[in-house]
Each structure stands twice: as C-alpha cells, then as structure tokens.
N, C-alpha and C. Protein backbone atom coordinates (compact mmCIF):
# COMPACT_ATOMS: atom_id res chain seq x y z
N MET A 1 14.98 -13.47 27.99
CA MET A 1 15.71 -13.03 26.49
C MET A 1 14.95 -11.68 26.07
N GLN A 2 15.32 -10.75 25.96
CA GLN A 2 14.65 -9.71 25.35
C GLN A 2 14.22 -9.75 23.82
N ILE A 3 13.39 -9.24 23.33
CA ILE A 3 12.66 -9.59 22.09
C ILE A 3 13.72 -8.92 21.21
N SER A 4 14.32 -7.89 21.27
CA SER A 4 15.15 -7.37 20.45
C SER A 4 16.40 -8.22 20.14
N THR A 5 16.62 -8.85 21.21
CA THR A 5 18.02 -9.83 21.19
C THR A 5 17.56 -11.03 20.20
N TRP A 6 16.27 -11.55 20.57
CA TRP A 6 15.70 -12.55 19.75
C TRP A 6 15.78 -12.40 18.20
N VAL A 7 14.94 -11.40 17.89
CA VAL A 7 14.80 -10.85 16.64
C VAL A 7 16.15 -10.79 15.88
N THR A 8 17.14 -10.02 16.46
CA THR A 8 18.44 -9.81 15.94
C THR A 8 19.12 -11.01 15.55
N GLU A 9 18.90 -12.07 16.36
CA GLU A 9 19.74 -13.39 16.43
C GLU A 9 18.91 -14.41 15.44
N GLN A 10 17.53 -14.37 15.51
CA GLN A 10 16.96 -15.45 14.58
C GLN A 10 16.33 -14.96 13.26
N TYR A 11 15.99 -13.62 13.41
CA TYR A 11 15.00 -13.10 12.14
C TYR A 11 15.62 -11.79 11.46
N ALA A 12 16.85 -11.71 11.47
CA ALA A 12 17.32 -10.52 10.95
C ALA A 12 16.92 -10.20 9.63
N GLU A 13 17.29 -10.95 8.77
CA GLU A 13 16.80 -10.51 7.25
C GLU A 13 15.37 -10.37 7.19
N THR A 14 14.37 -11.03 7.94
CA THR A 14 12.99 -10.88 7.89
C THR A 14 12.54 -9.64 8.38
N TYR A 15 13.25 -9.29 9.48
CA TYR A 15 12.86 -8.09 10.23
C TYR A 15 13.14 -6.89 9.34
N LEU A 16 14.39 -6.81 8.83
CA LEU A 16 14.91 -5.86 7.95
C LEU A 16 14.06 -5.62 6.62
N LEU A 17 13.80 -6.64 6.12
CA LEU A 17 12.81 -6.56 5.14
C LEU A 17 11.64 -6.06 5.22
N THR A 18 10.92 -6.35 6.30
CA THR A 18 9.65 -5.82 7.01
C THR A 18 9.83 -4.38 7.18
N TRP A 19 10.93 -3.92 7.71
CA TRP A 19 11.05 -2.57 7.96
C TRP A 19 11.35 -1.79 6.73
N LEU A 20 11.99 -2.16 5.93
CA LEU A 20 12.23 -1.58 4.53
C LEU A 20 10.85 -1.35 3.82
N LEU A 21 10.08 -2.14 3.89
CA LEU A 21 8.93 -2.03 3.22
C LEU A 21 8.03 -1.02 3.92
N SER A 22 8.35 -0.64 4.98
CA SER A 22 7.48 0.38 5.75
C SER A 22 8.06 1.94 5.55
N GLN A 23 9.37 2.06 4.61
CA GLN A 23 10.01 3.19 4.51
C GLN A 23 9.54 4.00 3.28
N TRP A 24 9.10 5.17 3.34
CA TRP A 24 8.37 5.76 2.44
C TRP A 24 9.48 5.89 1.21
N GLU A 25 10.72 6.05 1.64
CA GLU A 25 11.57 6.21 0.19
C GLU A 25 11.65 4.89 -0.67
N LEU A 26 11.27 3.81 -0.09
CA LEU A 26 11.33 2.65 -0.94
C LEU A 26 10.55 2.75 -2.14
N TRP A 27 9.34 3.60 -2.16
CA TRP A 27 8.29 3.60 -3.27
C TRP A 27 8.56 4.87 -4.17
N TRP A 28 9.78 5.59 -3.98
CA TRP A 28 10.07 6.49 -4.91
C TRP A 28 11.38 6.17 -5.97
N CYS A 29 11.05 6.51 -7.04
CA CYS A 29 12.10 6.20 -8.12
C CYS A 29 13.47 6.77 -7.85
N GLU A 30 13.52 7.76 -7.26
CA GLU A 30 14.83 8.42 -6.91
C GLU A 30 15.57 7.93 -5.64
N GLY A 31 14.67 7.09 -4.92
CA GLY A 31 15.26 6.85 -3.61
C GLY A 31 16.40 5.84 -3.76
N GLU A 32 16.97 5.86 -2.62
CA GLU A 32 18.22 4.93 -2.60
C GLU A 32 17.73 3.36 -2.43
N VAL A 33 16.80 3.15 -1.65
CA VAL A 33 16.30 1.82 -1.64
C VAL A 33 15.67 1.41 -2.90
N TYR A 34 14.98 2.08 -3.34
CA TYR A 34 14.57 1.62 -4.76
C TYR A 34 15.40 1.44 -5.79
N GLN A 35 16.54 2.22 -5.80
CA GLN A 35 17.44 1.88 -6.65
C GLN A 35 18.24 0.68 -6.21
N ALA A 36 18.62 0.73 -4.99
CA ALA A 36 19.29 -0.68 -4.67
C ALA A 36 18.42 -1.81 -4.95
N THR A 37 17.21 -1.65 -4.57
CA THR A 37 16.26 -3.02 -5.09
C THR A 37 16.37 -3.35 -6.55
N LEU A 38 16.17 -2.19 -7.46
CA LEU A 38 16.18 -2.53 -8.92
C LEU A 38 17.65 -3.18 -9.35
N LEU A 39 18.39 -2.70 -8.58
CA LEU A 39 19.77 -3.14 -9.12
C LEU A 39 20.12 -4.57 -8.28
N THR A 40 19.51 -4.97 -7.34
CA THR A 40 19.70 -6.05 -6.33
C THR A 40 21.13 -5.88 -5.94
N ASP A 41 21.36 -4.45 -5.27
CA ASP A 41 22.69 -4.34 -4.79
C ASP A 41 22.42 -4.18 -3.34
N GLY A 42 23.24 -5.40 -2.79
CA GLY A 42 22.99 -5.55 -1.31
C GLY A 42 23.78 -4.56 -0.37
N ASP A 43 24.73 -4.06 -1.10
CA ASP A 43 25.86 -3.29 -0.37
C ASP A 43 25.17 -1.90 -0.47
N ARG A 44 24.60 -1.42 -1.71
CA ARG A 44 23.85 -0.06 -1.42
C ARG A 44 22.90 -0.33 -0.37
N LEU A 45 22.01 -1.25 -0.38
CA LEU A 45 21.04 -1.58 0.77
C LEU A 45 21.49 -1.36 2.09
N GLN A 46 22.77 -2.06 2.18
CA GLN A 46 23.43 -2.23 3.66
C GLN A 46 23.68 -0.67 4.07
N ALA A 47 24.25 0.06 3.11
CA ALA A 47 24.78 1.45 3.49
C ALA A 47 23.48 2.30 3.82
N PHE A 48 22.35 2.05 2.97
CA PHE A 48 20.99 2.81 3.51
C PHE A 48 20.53 2.57 4.87
N VAL A 49 20.40 1.38 5.19
CA VAL A 49 20.18 0.91 6.63
C VAL A 49 20.87 1.32 7.53
N GLN A 50 22.22 1.23 7.48
CA GLN A 50 23.38 1.83 8.41
C GLN A 50 23.39 3.33 8.72
N ASN A 51 22.93 3.68 7.60
CA ASN A 51 23.25 5.42 7.67
C ASN A 51 21.65 6.08 7.91
N SER A 52 20.56 5.37 8.03
CA SER A 52 19.32 5.75 8.27
C SER A 52 18.98 6.21 9.73
N GLU A 53 18.22 7.11 9.87
CA GLU A 53 18.06 7.63 11.30
C GLU A 53 16.93 6.93 11.87
N GLY A 54 17.00 5.37 11.62
CA GLY A 54 15.94 4.34 12.43
C GLY A 54 16.48 4.11 13.72
N ASP A 55 15.65 3.54 14.59
CA ASP A 55 15.58 3.23 15.92
C ASP A 55 17.07 2.37 16.08
N GLU A 56 17.32 2.34 17.38
CA GLU A 56 18.40 1.39 17.77
C GLU A 56 18.46 -0.11 17.35
N LEU A 57 17.21 -0.66 17.39
CA LEU A 57 16.91 -1.98 16.92
C LEU A 57 17.26 -2.52 15.57
N ILE A 58 17.00 -1.44 14.76
CA ILE A 58 17.30 -1.52 13.25
C ILE A 58 18.87 -1.66 13.23
N LYS A 59 19.61 -0.86 13.87
CA LYS A 59 20.94 -0.73 13.71
C LYS A 59 21.42 -1.92 14.33
N GLN A 60 21.03 -2.40 15.44
CA GLN A 60 21.68 -3.90 15.96
C GLN A 60 21.16 -5.00 14.89
N VAL A 61 20.01 -4.94 14.32
CA VAL A 61 19.57 -6.01 13.32
C VAL A 61 20.66 -5.90 12.03
N ALA A 62 20.80 -4.84 11.76
CA ALA A 62 21.83 -4.64 10.39
C ALA A 62 23.25 -5.16 10.74
N GLN A 63 23.73 -4.72 12.10
CA GLN A 63 25.00 -5.27 12.38
C GLN A 63 25.33 -6.84 12.48
N ASN A 64 24.01 -7.57 12.53
CA ASN A 64 24.13 -8.83 12.64
C ASN A 64 24.24 -9.58 11.31
N LEU A 65 23.93 -8.71 10.24
CA LEU A 65 23.87 -9.22 8.94
C LEU A 65 25.25 -8.85 8.35
N THR A 66 26.26 -9.62 8.65
CA THR A 66 27.66 -9.35 8.15
C THR A 66 28.02 -10.00 6.74
N GLU A 67 27.32 -10.97 6.27
CA GLU A 67 27.51 -11.44 4.91
C GLU A 67 26.84 -10.68 3.87
N LYS A 68 27.67 -10.42 2.79
CA LYS A 68 27.01 -9.67 1.59
C LYS A 68 25.89 -10.57 1.03
N ALA A 69 26.00 -11.68 1.14
CA ALA A 69 24.88 -12.67 0.50
C ALA A 69 23.46 -12.45 1.40
N SER A 70 23.38 -12.13 2.56
CA SER A 70 22.31 -11.68 3.13
C SER A 70 21.56 -10.52 2.63
N TRP A 71 22.49 -9.38 2.56
CA TRP A 71 21.88 -8.30 1.88
C TRP A 71 21.60 -8.19 0.54
N ASP A 72 22.14 -9.15 -0.41
CA ASP A 72 21.83 -9.36 -1.75
C ASP A 72 20.29 -10.15 -1.64
N ARG A 73 20.23 -11.14 -0.77
CA ARG A 73 18.84 -11.74 -0.60
C ARG A 73 17.72 -10.76 -0.23
N ILE A 74 17.93 -9.95 0.71
CA ILE A 74 17.22 -8.86 0.91
C ILE A 74 16.69 -8.02 -0.14
N ALA A 75 17.69 -7.53 -0.95
CA ALA A 75 17.41 -6.72 -2.19
C ALA A 75 16.66 -7.61 -3.21
N THR A 76 17.16 -8.83 -3.30
CA THR A 76 16.29 -9.71 -4.44
C THR A 76 15.01 -9.96 -4.13
N SER A 77 14.64 -9.97 -2.48
CA SER A 77 13.22 -10.23 -2.24
C SER A 77 12.39 -8.75 -2.33
N LEU A 78 12.99 -7.80 -2.22
CA LEU A 78 12.35 -6.43 -2.43
C LEU A 78 12.12 -6.21 -4.07
N ASN A 79 13.14 -6.90 -4.79
CA ASN A 79 12.83 -6.77 -6.17
C ASN A 79 11.82 -7.45 -6.82
N ARG A 80 11.46 -8.62 -6.08
CA ARG A 80 10.37 -9.69 -6.49
C ARG A 80 9.28 -8.81 -5.98
N ILE A 81 9.15 -8.37 -4.99
CA ILE A 81 7.91 -7.45 -4.38
C ILE A 81 7.56 -6.54 -5.44
N PHE A 82 8.58 -5.77 -5.84
CA PHE A 82 8.20 -4.72 -6.71
C PHE A 82 7.86 -5.31 -8.10
N GLN A 83 8.21 -6.40 -8.37
CA GLN A 83 7.58 -7.03 -9.79
C GLN A 83 6.13 -7.25 -9.59
N ILE A 84 5.80 -7.96 -8.44
CA ILE A 84 4.55 -8.40 -8.32
C ILE A 84 3.70 -6.95 -8.18
N TYR A 85 4.03 -5.88 -7.52
CA TYR A 85 3.39 -4.95 -7.39
C TYR A 85 3.22 -4.04 -8.73
N ARG A 86 4.18 -4.19 -9.78
CA ARG A 86 3.91 -3.51 -11.08
C ARG A 86 2.85 -4.38 -11.71
N GLN A 87 2.87 -5.72 -11.88
CA GLN A 87 2.12 -6.56 -12.47
C GLN A 87 0.47 -6.19 -11.93
N GLU A 88 0.33 -6.14 -10.55
CA GLU A 88 -0.79 -5.71 -10.14
C GLU A 88 -1.42 -4.49 -10.53
N LEU A 89 -0.31 -3.33 -10.78
CA LEU A 89 -0.95 -2.22 -11.23
C LEU A 89 -1.45 -2.16 -12.60
N ILE A 90 -0.62 -3.24 -13.43
CA ILE A 90 -1.06 -3.42 -14.78
C ILE A 90 -2.35 -4.17 -14.89
N HIS A 91 -2.75 -4.87 -13.93
CA HIS A 91 -4.00 -5.60 -13.95
C HIS A 91 -5.21 -4.72 -13.67
N LEU A 92 -4.86 -3.56 -12.70
CA LEU A 92 -6.12 -2.87 -12.39
C LEU A 92 -6.96 -2.31 -13.29
N PRO A 93 -6.53 -1.83 -14.39
CA PRO A 93 -7.64 -1.35 -15.48
C PRO A 93 -8.09 -2.18 -16.05
N VAL A 94 -7.62 -3.58 -16.04
CA VAL A 94 -8.48 -4.68 -16.65
C VAL A 94 -9.45 -5.10 -15.71
N LEU A 95 -9.34 -5.10 -14.48
CA LEU A 95 -10.36 -5.56 -13.63
C LEU A 95 -11.45 -4.46 -13.51
N ARG A 96 -10.81 -3.11 -13.56
CA ARG A 96 -11.85 -1.98 -13.49
C ARG A 96 -12.81 -2.24 -14.81
N TYR A 97 -12.18 -2.54 -15.98
CA TYR A 97 -12.76 -2.73 -17.11
C TYR A 97 -13.78 -3.78 -17.15
N GLN A 98 -13.30 -4.87 -16.44
CA GLN A 98 -14.31 -6.04 -16.36
C GLN A 98 -15.61 -5.77 -15.35
N GLN A 99 -15.40 -5.09 -14.41
CA GLN A 99 -16.31 -4.61 -13.39
C GLN A 99 -17.21 -3.71 -14.28
N GLU A 100 -16.71 -2.74 -14.85
CA GLU A 100 -17.83 -1.90 -15.49
C GLU A 100 -18.54 -2.48 -16.76
N SER A 101 -17.77 -3.56 -17.32
CA SER A 101 -18.58 -4.32 -18.59
C SER A 101 -19.72 -5.00 -18.02
N LYS A 102 -19.74 -5.30 -16.51
CA LYS A 102 -21.01 -5.91 -16.26
C LYS A 102 -22.25 -5.03 -16.24
N VAL A 103 -21.90 -3.84 -15.97
CA VAL A 103 -23.12 -2.75 -16.17
C VAL A 103 -23.70 -2.81 -17.63
N GLU A 104 -24.89 -3.31 -17.82
CA GLU A 104 -25.28 -3.22 -19.26
C GLU A 104 -25.84 -1.98 -19.72
N LYS A 105 -25.48 -1.69 -20.86
CA LYS A 105 -26.19 -0.50 -21.56
C LYS A 105 -27.04 -1.13 -22.62
N HIS A 106 -28.30 -0.81 -22.62
CA HIS A 106 -29.29 -1.45 -23.69
C HIS A 106 -29.07 -0.48 -24.92
N SER A 107 -29.06 -1.35 -25.95
CA SER A 107 -28.99 -0.76 -27.45
C SER A 107 -30.33 -0.03 -27.65
N LYS A 108 -30.64 0.49 -28.67
CA LYS A 108 -31.80 1.15 -29.26
C LYS A 108 -33.07 0.36 -29.31
N ASN A 109 -33.07 -0.80 -29.42
CA ASN A 109 -34.17 -1.81 -29.46
C ASN A 109 -34.36 -2.37 -27.99
N GLY A 110 -33.49 -1.94 -27.08
CA GLY A 110 -33.62 -2.37 -25.72
C GLY A 110 -33.25 -3.98 -25.36
N LYS A 111 -32.74 -4.63 -26.52
CA LYS A 111 -32.55 -6.18 -26.28
C LYS A 111 -30.88 -6.38 -26.12
N THR A 112 -30.28 -6.05 -26.85
CA THR A 112 -28.62 -6.33 -27.06
C THR A 112 -28.09 -5.23 -26.04
N PRO A 113 -27.41 -6.08 -24.89
CA PRO A 113 -26.47 -5.11 -24.14
C PRO A 113 -25.41 -4.95 -24.78
N ALA A 114 -24.71 -3.75 -24.84
CA ALA A 114 -23.49 -3.26 -25.28
C ALA A 114 -22.57 -3.17 -24.01
N LEU A 115 -21.04 -3.79 -24.30
CA LEU A 115 -20.40 -3.67 -23.17
C LEU A 115 -19.53 -1.99 -23.26
N LEU A 116 -19.33 -1.75 -22.12
CA LEU A 116 -18.65 -0.50 -22.16
C LEU A 116 -17.16 -0.70 -22.75
N GLN A 117 -16.66 0.55 -23.22
CA GLN A 117 -15.30 0.31 -23.56
C GLN A 117 -14.52 1.09 -22.49
N PRO A 118 -13.21 0.60 -22.28
CA PRO A 118 -12.30 1.22 -21.51
C PRO A 118 -11.84 2.45 -21.97
N GLU A 119 -11.89 3.60 -21.13
CA GLU A 119 -11.51 4.97 -21.40
C GLU A 119 -10.07 5.25 -21.10
N PHE A 120 -9.26 5.16 -21.82
CA PHE A 120 -7.80 5.21 -21.67
C PHE A 120 -7.46 6.80 -22.17
N ILE A 121 -6.55 7.45 -21.04
CA ILE A 121 -6.31 8.70 -21.02
C ILE A 121 -5.15 8.89 -22.31
N ASN A 122 -5.06 9.78 -23.14
CA ASN A 122 -4.19 10.02 -24.11
C ASN A 122 -3.46 11.03 -23.55
N PRO A 123 -2.03 10.77 -23.15
CA PRO A 123 -1.10 11.55 -22.51
C PRO A 123 -0.69 12.90 -23.38
N TYR A 124 -1.19 12.75 -24.75
CA TYR A 124 -0.70 13.70 -25.52
C TYR A 124 -1.86 14.78 -25.99
N ALA A 125 -2.92 14.49 -25.31
CA ALA A 125 -4.13 15.38 -25.63
C ALA A 125 -4.11 16.54 -24.80
N ASP A 126 -4.88 17.57 -25.16
CA ASP A 126 -4.97 18.82 -24.56
C ASP A 126 -5.72 18.42 -23.13
N SER A 127 -5.35 19.23 -22.19
CA SER A 127 -5.70 18.75 -20.72
C SER A 127 -7.44 19.22 -20.67
N VAL A 128 -7.55 20.44 -21.37
CA VAL A 128 -8.78 21.07 -21.19
C VAL A 128 -9.71 20.47 -22.14
N THR A 129 -9.71 20.55 -23.58
CA THR A 129 -10.28 19.92 -24.48
C THR A 129 -10.32 18.45 -24.86
N GLY A 130 -9.16 18.02 -24.11
CA GLY A 130 -9.22 16.43 -24.75
C GLY A 130 -8.75 15.76 -25.93
N LEU A 131 -8.56 17.06 -26.94
CA LEU A 131 -8.30 16.69 -28.39
C LEU A 131 -6.63 16.64 -28.22
N ASN A 132 -6.19 15.99 -29.39
CA ASN A 132 -4.80 16.06 -29.84
C ASN A 132 -4.57 17.21 -30.64
N ASP A 133 -3.27 17.50 -30.47
CA ASP A 133 -2.79 18.98 -31.02
C ASP A 133 -2.64 18.84 -32.40
C-alpha cells in the first residue's frame, strides 16, 4: 500500500490540518483560510483547499472528505489553534516583564532592589520624540 493511499484513507482530516498550518496564507488576516477559520466555515475551507495549487496528494486527501462535518471539524480545530496562539501572544509581554524584573536595580542606598516597570509603546506618541501630540 502506498503511503499516499494510506494517508488519504486513514488520516485525511489530520493530514489536511497539518498541511493548512504550514500555509503562509493561514497567518494573514485577509487570507481565505484565516477568514474560514474565524468563521469556522468548512465550506470556505474546502473551497480553498480544492482550488489551491498544492500537490496531488492534497487534492486526493481533500476528495476523500465528502462530509461537511469533516471540514467543519478542521475549521474548528484551526480556530482553537488560533485562540491558543493569541493567548500566548498576550502572555509574551508578561513573561518578558517577569524575566526583566529578576534583574535587580539597587536604589540609592544600595539595599532595596527596585523592580523594572514594563515599557509599553504608546501608539499615539510621535515616533521620533516619543511624546504625545
């Protein structure tokens, strides 16, 4: 049995999900895959896969998924992955702050360490001076 036949018969949803995660368009807000994921729209996701210029194996895998529920499950899984990704992005500044706060700055008397404050960028500040308008 060829590997492609085995994949298409046994693990079509998993294979397509993995393939979709490697597509550059998945990570762009304007992308068709991203929009299908946010809306958990299996039909839209199916149309993208079938119209993509992927290899023949992807098209064979996509043909084996004939039920709308399968495509909806893939879209739902991608949606969960995006939610986790967004949560991790929110935690990055916190983790950075915690790492920086371990670096101690001694106060004038040299005894009391002061914690570093996180530096948040003000989106309304002038890019050159850093001052608000």
